[in-house]
């Protein structure tokens, strides 16, 4: 008889459920969706502590639901498989267009501001010194639906006089870690990742060649018809965290880097630039470059 094999995420989730306190198990279940920013093991390590915190601080039990790709995360929220999701700016714009999804919170960076940036990275020993030298080079982007991995870096190249047609080659990889690792292996001359990933890989031999302008922080998104009491519970639990408070800082220290500095309220007009960039794609970075 062949032994039954379980995937690592399934085993991790099963162990988590077994360890749930009885009181938490009795709470209504809320599935928290996340786009695949990293590989599944890293995702569970970085996001499960947030689920534990929300379960402890609210009348709901939160379960992590990692999508296989960006469109699946949008579909999960639309179909009610998830009740809240951490989407990228582009995927939020798509969810907003499809079914009027709304942003409720946005994470703060280390400076306490609701912004992040896209980075064009190279190996530390690369001879490349400025972004204009990428003409004729091999470039790796993130997912087609990624804001910092695809939309912004393509605009950054365009603004520096390098349309995609003038690259030797380019590819879209599954997530930011994959881009950084491909650069380190010498498979590409440069790549596009979010700032926290660029900083993470500095010690591994990565150097930032160019930065984008500030990008609105990726939103936590819910359906427009979400129960007001659920929205209030989530926003109340996360907004009370203060990164300058040592006790709160201790709570958030194991959270994903993007979430470990607290949150601010989010509004749809915060993402107006993203909507404009997507609409301008045919005359900007190339027809349909984010799809």
Protein backbone atom coordinates (compact mmCIF):
# COMPACT_ATOMS: atom_id res chain seq x y z
CA UNK A 1 0.00 0.00 0.00
CA UNK A 2 1.37 3.42 -0.91
CA UNK A 3 1.78 5.81 2.03
CA UNK A 4 -0.46 8.88 2.03
CA UNK A 5 1.50 12.04 1.25
CA UNK A 6 0.35 15.45 2.41
CA UNK A 7 1.64 18.79 1.16
CA UNK A 8 3.58 20.86 3.69
CA UNK A 9 0.94 23.65 3.90
CA UNK A 10 -1.78 21.05 4.63
CA UNK A 11 0.29 19.54 7.44
CA UNK A 12 1.04 22.97 8.91
CA UNK A 13 -2.65 23.91 8.80
CA UNK A 14 -3.69 20.59 10.38
CA UNK A 15 -1.25 21.06 13.26
CA UNK A 16 -2.49 24.63 13.77
CA UNK A 17 -6.12 23.48 13.99
CA UNK A 18 -5.19 20.76 16.49
CA UNK A 19 -3.51 23.34 18.71
CA UNK A 20 -6.41 25.81 18.67
CA UNK A 21 -7.86 26.57 22.10
CA UNK A 22 -11.41 25.25 22.48
CA UNK A 23 -12.76 28.79 22.88
CA UNK A 24 -11.19 29.87 19.57
CA UNK A 25 -12.55 26.81 17.76
CA UNK A 26 -16.09 27.90 18.70
CA UNK A 27 -15.73 31.31 17.04
CA UNK A 28 -17.13 32.03 13.55
CA UNK A 29 -14.49 31.26 10.91
CA UNK A 30 -13.04 34.07 8.79
CA UNK A 31 -10.68 33.17 5.95
CA UNK A 32 -7.93 35.72 5.36
CA UNK A 33 -6.62 35.63 1.78
CA UNK A 34 -3.08 36.52 0.75
CA UNK A 35 -1.56 36.78 -2.72
CA UNK A 36 1.49 34.51 -3.22
CA UNK A 37 4.24 36.98 -2.35
CA UNK A 38 6.70 34.27 -1.27
CA UNK A 39 6.83 30.48 -1.26
CA UNK A 40 4.12 28.76 0.89
CA UNK A 41 6.35 27.89 3.87
CA UNK A 42 7.54 31.48 4.21
CA UNK A 43 3.97 32.71 3.78
CA UNK A 44 2.70 30.59 6.68
CA UNK A 45 5.62 31.60 8.88
CA UNK A 46 5.07 35.32 8.27
CA UNK A 47 1.26 35.51 8.22
CA UNK A 48 0.09 32.89 10.72
CA UNK A 49 1.07 35.09 13.73
CA UNK A 50 -1.30 37.76 12.38
CA UNK A 51 -4.10 35.18 12.24
CA UNK A 52 -3.33 34.21 15.86
CA UNK A 53 -3.46 37.85 16.95
CA UNK A 54 -6.78 38.58 15.22
CA UNK A 55 -8.28 35.39 16.65
CA UNK A 56 -7.22 36.40 20.16
CA UNK A 57 -8.37 40.01 19.83
CA UNK A 58 -11.76 39.54 18.13
CA UNK A 59 -14.86 37.37 18.31
CA UNK A 60 -13.77 35.53 15.16
CA UNK A 61 -11.35 32.73 14.29
CA UNK A 62 -9.01 33.64 11.43
CA UNK A 63 -7.60 31.11 8.99
CA UNK A 64 -4.95 31.85 6.38
CA UNK A 65 -5.90 31.15 2.76
CA UNK A 66 -2.98 31.44 0.34
CA UNK A 67 -3.92 31.63 -3.31
CA UNK A 68 -1.95 29.91 -6.06
CA UNK A 69 -1.76 33.13 -8.07
CA UNK A 70 -2.94 36.73 -7.99
CA UNK A 71 -6.19 36.25 -10.00
CA UNK A 72 -7.22 33.42 -7.67
CA UNK A 73 -6.96 35.76 -4.67
CA UNK A 74 -9.32 38.20 -6.40
CA UNK A 75 -11.73 35.38 -7.27
CA UNK A 76 -11.68 33.96 -3.72
CA UNK A 77 -12.81 37.30 -2.31
CA UNK A 78 -15.43 37.76 -5.01
CA UNK A 79 -16.93 34.30 -4.41
CA UNK A 80 -16.82 34.55 -0.61
CA UNK A 81 -14.17 31.86 -0.16
CA UNK A 82 -12.24 34.53 1.75
CA UNK A 83 -13.83 37.39 3.68
CA UNK A 84 -10.76 39.65 3.74
CA UNK A 85 -7.62 39.64 1.63
CA UNK A 86 -4.22 41.28 1.44
CA UNK A 87 -4.04 42.22 -2.23
CA UNK A 88 -1.49 44.15 -4.21
CA UNK A 89 -2.45 47.57 -5.52
CA UNK A 90 -3.07 46.25 -9.04
CA UNK A 91 -5.12 43.28 -7.82
CA UNK A 92 -7.13 45.64 -5.62
CA UNK A 93 -7.84 47.80 -8.68
CA UNK A 94 -9.02 44.67 -10.51
CA UNK A 95 -11.21 43.61 -7.56
CA UNK A 96 -12.65 47.10 -7.34
CA UNK A 97 -13.53 47.08 -11.03
CA UNK A 98 -15.05 43.58 -10.89
CA UNK A 99 -17.21 43.77 -7.78
CA UNK A 100 -16.65 47.05 -5.93
CA UNK A 101 -14.22 45.68 -3.35
CA UNK A 102 -13.17 48.26 -0.76
CA UNK A 103 -9.85 48.90 1.03
CA UNK A 104 -10.11 49.09 4.82
CA UNK A 105 -6.49 49.33 6.04
CA UNK A 106 -3.01 49.94 4.67
CA UNK A 107 0.26 48.99 6.41
CA UNK A 108 2.86 51.51 7.54
CA UNK A 109 6.55 51.39 6.70
CA UNK A 110 9.47 51.77 9.12
CA UNK A 111 9.04 55.54 9.01
CA UNK A 112 5.39 55.26 9.97
CA UNK A 113 4.15 56.20 6.47
CA UNK A 114 1.69 54.19 4.30
CA UNK A 115 4.02 53.76 1.33
CA UNK A 116 6.54 51.33 -0.12
CA UNK A 117 8.72 51.25 -3.23
CA UNK A 118 9.72 49.01 -6.08
CA UNK A 119 13.41 48.29 -6.55
CA UNK A 120 15.39 47.31 -9.62
CA UNK A 121 18.05 44.98 -8.25
CA UNK A 122 21.31 43.50 -9.58
CA UNK A 123 24.01 41.30 -8.11
CA UNK A 124 26.41 43.21 -5.87
CA UNK A 125 29.27 42.43 -8.27
CA UNK A 126 27.35 43.57 -11.37
CA UNK A 127 29.12 46.18 -13.55
CA UNK A 128 25.78 47.96 -14.06
CA UNK A 129 25.69 51.36 -12.34
CA UNK A 130 22.46 52.99 -13.54
CA UNK A 131 19.10 51.97 -14.92
CA UNK A 132 19.81 53.30 -18.43
CA UNK A 133 22.40 50.53 -18.81
CA UNK A 134 19.65 47.89 -18.81
CA UNK A 135 19.07 48.37 -22.54
CA UNK A 136 19.94 45.04 -24.17
CA UNK A 137 19.96 43.19 -20.82
CA UNK A 138 17.93 40.30 -19.36
CA UNK A 139 15.33 41.46 -16.81
CA UNK A 140 13.09 39.46 -14.45
CA UNK A 141 9.76 40.90 -13.31
CA UNK A 142 7.36 39.57 -10.69
CA UNK A 143 3.83 38.36 -11.36
CA UNK A 144 1.97 40.04 -14.21
CA UNK A 145 -0.49 41.30 -11.60
CA UNK A 146 2.18 42.63 -9.21
CA UNK A 147 2.42 46.36 -8.59
CA UNK A 148 6.02 46.58 -7.38
CA UNK A 149 7.18 43.55 -9.36
CA UNK A 150 5.65 44.46 -12.72
CA UNK A 151 3.59 47.64 -13.14
CA UNK A 152 5.90 50.20 -11.52
CA UNK A 153 9.23 48.81 -12.75
CA UNK A 154 7.97 48.72 -16.34
CA UNK A 155 7.00 52.38 -16.02
CA UNK A 156 10.39 53.06 -14.45
CA UNK A 157 12.14 51.54 -17.47
CA UNK A 158 9.86 53.44 -19.85
CA UNK A 159 10.56 56.74 -18.06
CA UNK A 160 14.27 56.08 -18.55
CA UNK A 161 13.88 55.53 -22.27
CA UNK A 162 13.85 51.73 -22.25
CA UNK A 163 10.67 50.14 -23.68
CA UNK A 164 10.45 46.39 -23.24
CA UNK A 165 11.35 45.84 -26.89
CA UNK A 166 14.84 47.21 -26.18
CA UNK A 167 15.61 44.57 -23.54
CA UNK A 168 17.47 41.44 -24.64
CA UNK A 169 14.77 39.39 -22.89
CA UNK A 170 12.35 39.57 -19.97
CA UNK A 171 10.29 37.13 -17.94
CA UNK A 172 7.59 37.22 -15.27
CA UNK A 173 8.38 34.96 -12.31
CA UNK A 174 5.93 33.75 -9.68
CA UNK A 175 6.99 35.85 -6.69
CA UNK A 176 9.58 38.36 -5.43
CA UNK A 177 11.84 35.79 -3.77
CA UNK A 178 12.07 33.91 -7.07
CA UNK A 179 13.25 37.10 -8.80
CA UNK A 180 15.95 37.79 -6.19
CA UNK A 181 17.21 34.20 -6.30
CA UNK A 182 17.31 34.23 -10.11
CA UNK A 183 19.47 37.37 -10.01
CA UNK A 184 21.85 35.78 -7.51
CA UNK A 185 22.16 32.72 -9.78
CA UNK A 186 23.05 34.92 -12.75
CA UNK A 187 19.97 33.91 -14.75
CA UNK A 188 19.08 37.60 -15.31
CA UNK A 189 21.07 40.82 -15.28
CA UNK A 190 18.47 42.67 -13.21
CA UNK A 191 15.07 42.18 -11.63
CA UNK A 192 12.17 43.99 -10.00
CA UNK A 193 11.09 43.38 -6.39
CA UNK A 194 9.41 45.24 -3.54
CA UNK A 195 11.60 47.17 -1.13
CA UNK A 196 11.38 44.72 1.79
CA UNK A 197 12.66 41.92 -0.45
CA UNK A 198 15.50 44.07 -1.78
CA UNK A 199 16.56 44.83 1.79
CA UNK A 200 16.25 41.18 2.79
CA UNK A 201 18.66 40.04 0.07
CA UNK A 202 21.29 42.77 0.49
CA UNK A 203 23.32 40.55 2.80
CA UNK A 204 23.11 37.74 0.24
CA UNK A 205 24.78 39.79 -2.48
CA UNK A 206 22.03 41.98 -3.94
CA UNK A 207 22.41 45.68 -4.76
CA UNK A 208 19.66 48.19 -5.62
CA UNK A 209 20.20 49.79 -9.02
CA UNK A 210 17.17 52.10 -8.95
CA UNK A 211 14.12 52.92 -6.82
CA UNK A 212 10.61 53.79 -7.94
CA UNK A 213 8.71 56.70 -6.49
CA UNK A 214 6.65 55.90 -3.35
CA UNK A 215 3.73 53.52 -3.98
CA UNK A 216 0.54 53.50 -1.83
CA UNK A 217 0.80 50.69 0.72
CA UNK A 218 -0.88 47.43 -0.29
CA UNK A 219 -4.43 47.38 1.11
CA UNK A 220 -6.37 44.94 3.21
CA UNK A 221 -9.51 44.51 1.12
CA UNK A 222 -13.07 43.34 1.81
CA UNK A 223 -16.27 43.05 -0.18
CA UNK A 224 -18.51 46.11 -0.14
CA UNK A 225 -21.31 44.08 1.47
CA UNK A 226 -19.15 42.77 4.34
CA UNK A 227 -20.83 42.79 7.78
CA UNK A 228 -20.04 46.13 9.49
CA UNK A 229 -19.30 44.34 12.77
CA UNK A 230 -16.59 42.24 11.08
CA UNK A 231 -14.99 45.31 9.48
CA UNK A 232 -15.06 47.08 12.84
CA UNK A 233 -13.51 44.09 14.63
CA UNK A 234 -10.58 43.85 12.19
CA UNK A 235 -9.89 47.57 11.97
CA UNK A 236 -10.20 47.98 15.74
CA UNK A 237 -7.74 45.16 16.47
CA UNK A 238 -5.12 46.34 13.98
CA UNK A 239 -5.40 50.11 14.37
CA UNK A 240 -4.77 49.95 18.11
CA UNK A 241 -1.26 48.63 17.50
CA UNK A 242 1.41 51.32 17.84
CA UNK A 243 4.91 50.55 16.54
CA UNK A 244 6.42 52.93 19.12
CA UNK A 245 4.85 50.93 21.97
CA UNK A 246 7.36 48.25 23.12
CA UNK A 247 4.60 45.77 23.95
CA UNK A 248 2.96 46.21 20.56
CA UNK A 249 6.33 46.03 18.81
CA UNK A 250 6.92 42.68 20.51
CA UNK A 251 3.54 41.41 19.24
CA UNK A 252 4.39 42.38 15.64
CA UNK A 253 8.04 41.30 15.56
CA UNK A 254 7.28 37.92 13.93
CA UNK A 255 4.79 39.35 11.42
CA UNK A 256 5.59 39.82 7.76
CA UNK A 257 7.90 42.83 7.33
CA UNK A 258 5.18 44.64 5.41
CA UNK A 259 2.79 44.45 8.38
CA UNK A 260 5.17 44.74 11.33
CA UNK A 261 4.92 48.53 11.71
CA UNK A 262 1.16 48.82 12.19
CA UNK A 263 -1.68 50.12 10.03
CA UNK A 264 -3.60 53.22 8.98
CA UNK A 265 -7.15 53.56 7.57
CA UNK A 266 -7.35 53.14 3.79
CA UNK A 267 -9.66 54.78 1.26
CA UNK A 268 -10.22 54.12 -2.42
CA UNK A 269 -8.88 57.51 -3.50
CA UNK A 270 -5.51 56.59 -1.94
CA UNK A 271 -5.01 54.40 -5.02
CA UNK A 272 -5.99 56.91 -7.69
CA UNK A 273 -2.49 56.90 -9.22
CA UNK A 274 -2.64 53.12 -9.63
CA UNK A 275 -5.97 53.34 -11.44
CA UNK A 276 -4.58 56.08 -13.71
CA UNK A 277 -1.44 54.07 -14.50
CA UNK A 278 -3.48 51.02 -15.48
CA UNK A 279 -5.76 53.11 -17.71
CA UNK A 280 -2.71 54.76 -19.32
CA UNK A 281 -0.96 51.48 -20.14
CA UNK A 282 -1.68 51.58 -23.91
CA UNK A 283 0.23 54.87 -24.14
CA UNK A 284 2.63 54.18 -21.29
CA UNK A 285 4.50 50.94 -20.59
CA UNK A 286 2.92 48.92 -23.37
CA UNK A 287 -0.49 47.44 -24.12
CA UNK A 288 -1.67 45.08 -21.41
CA UNK A 289 1.70 44.81 -19.66
CA UNK A 290 0.12 44.07 -16.28
CA UNK A 291 -2.00 41.19 -17.59
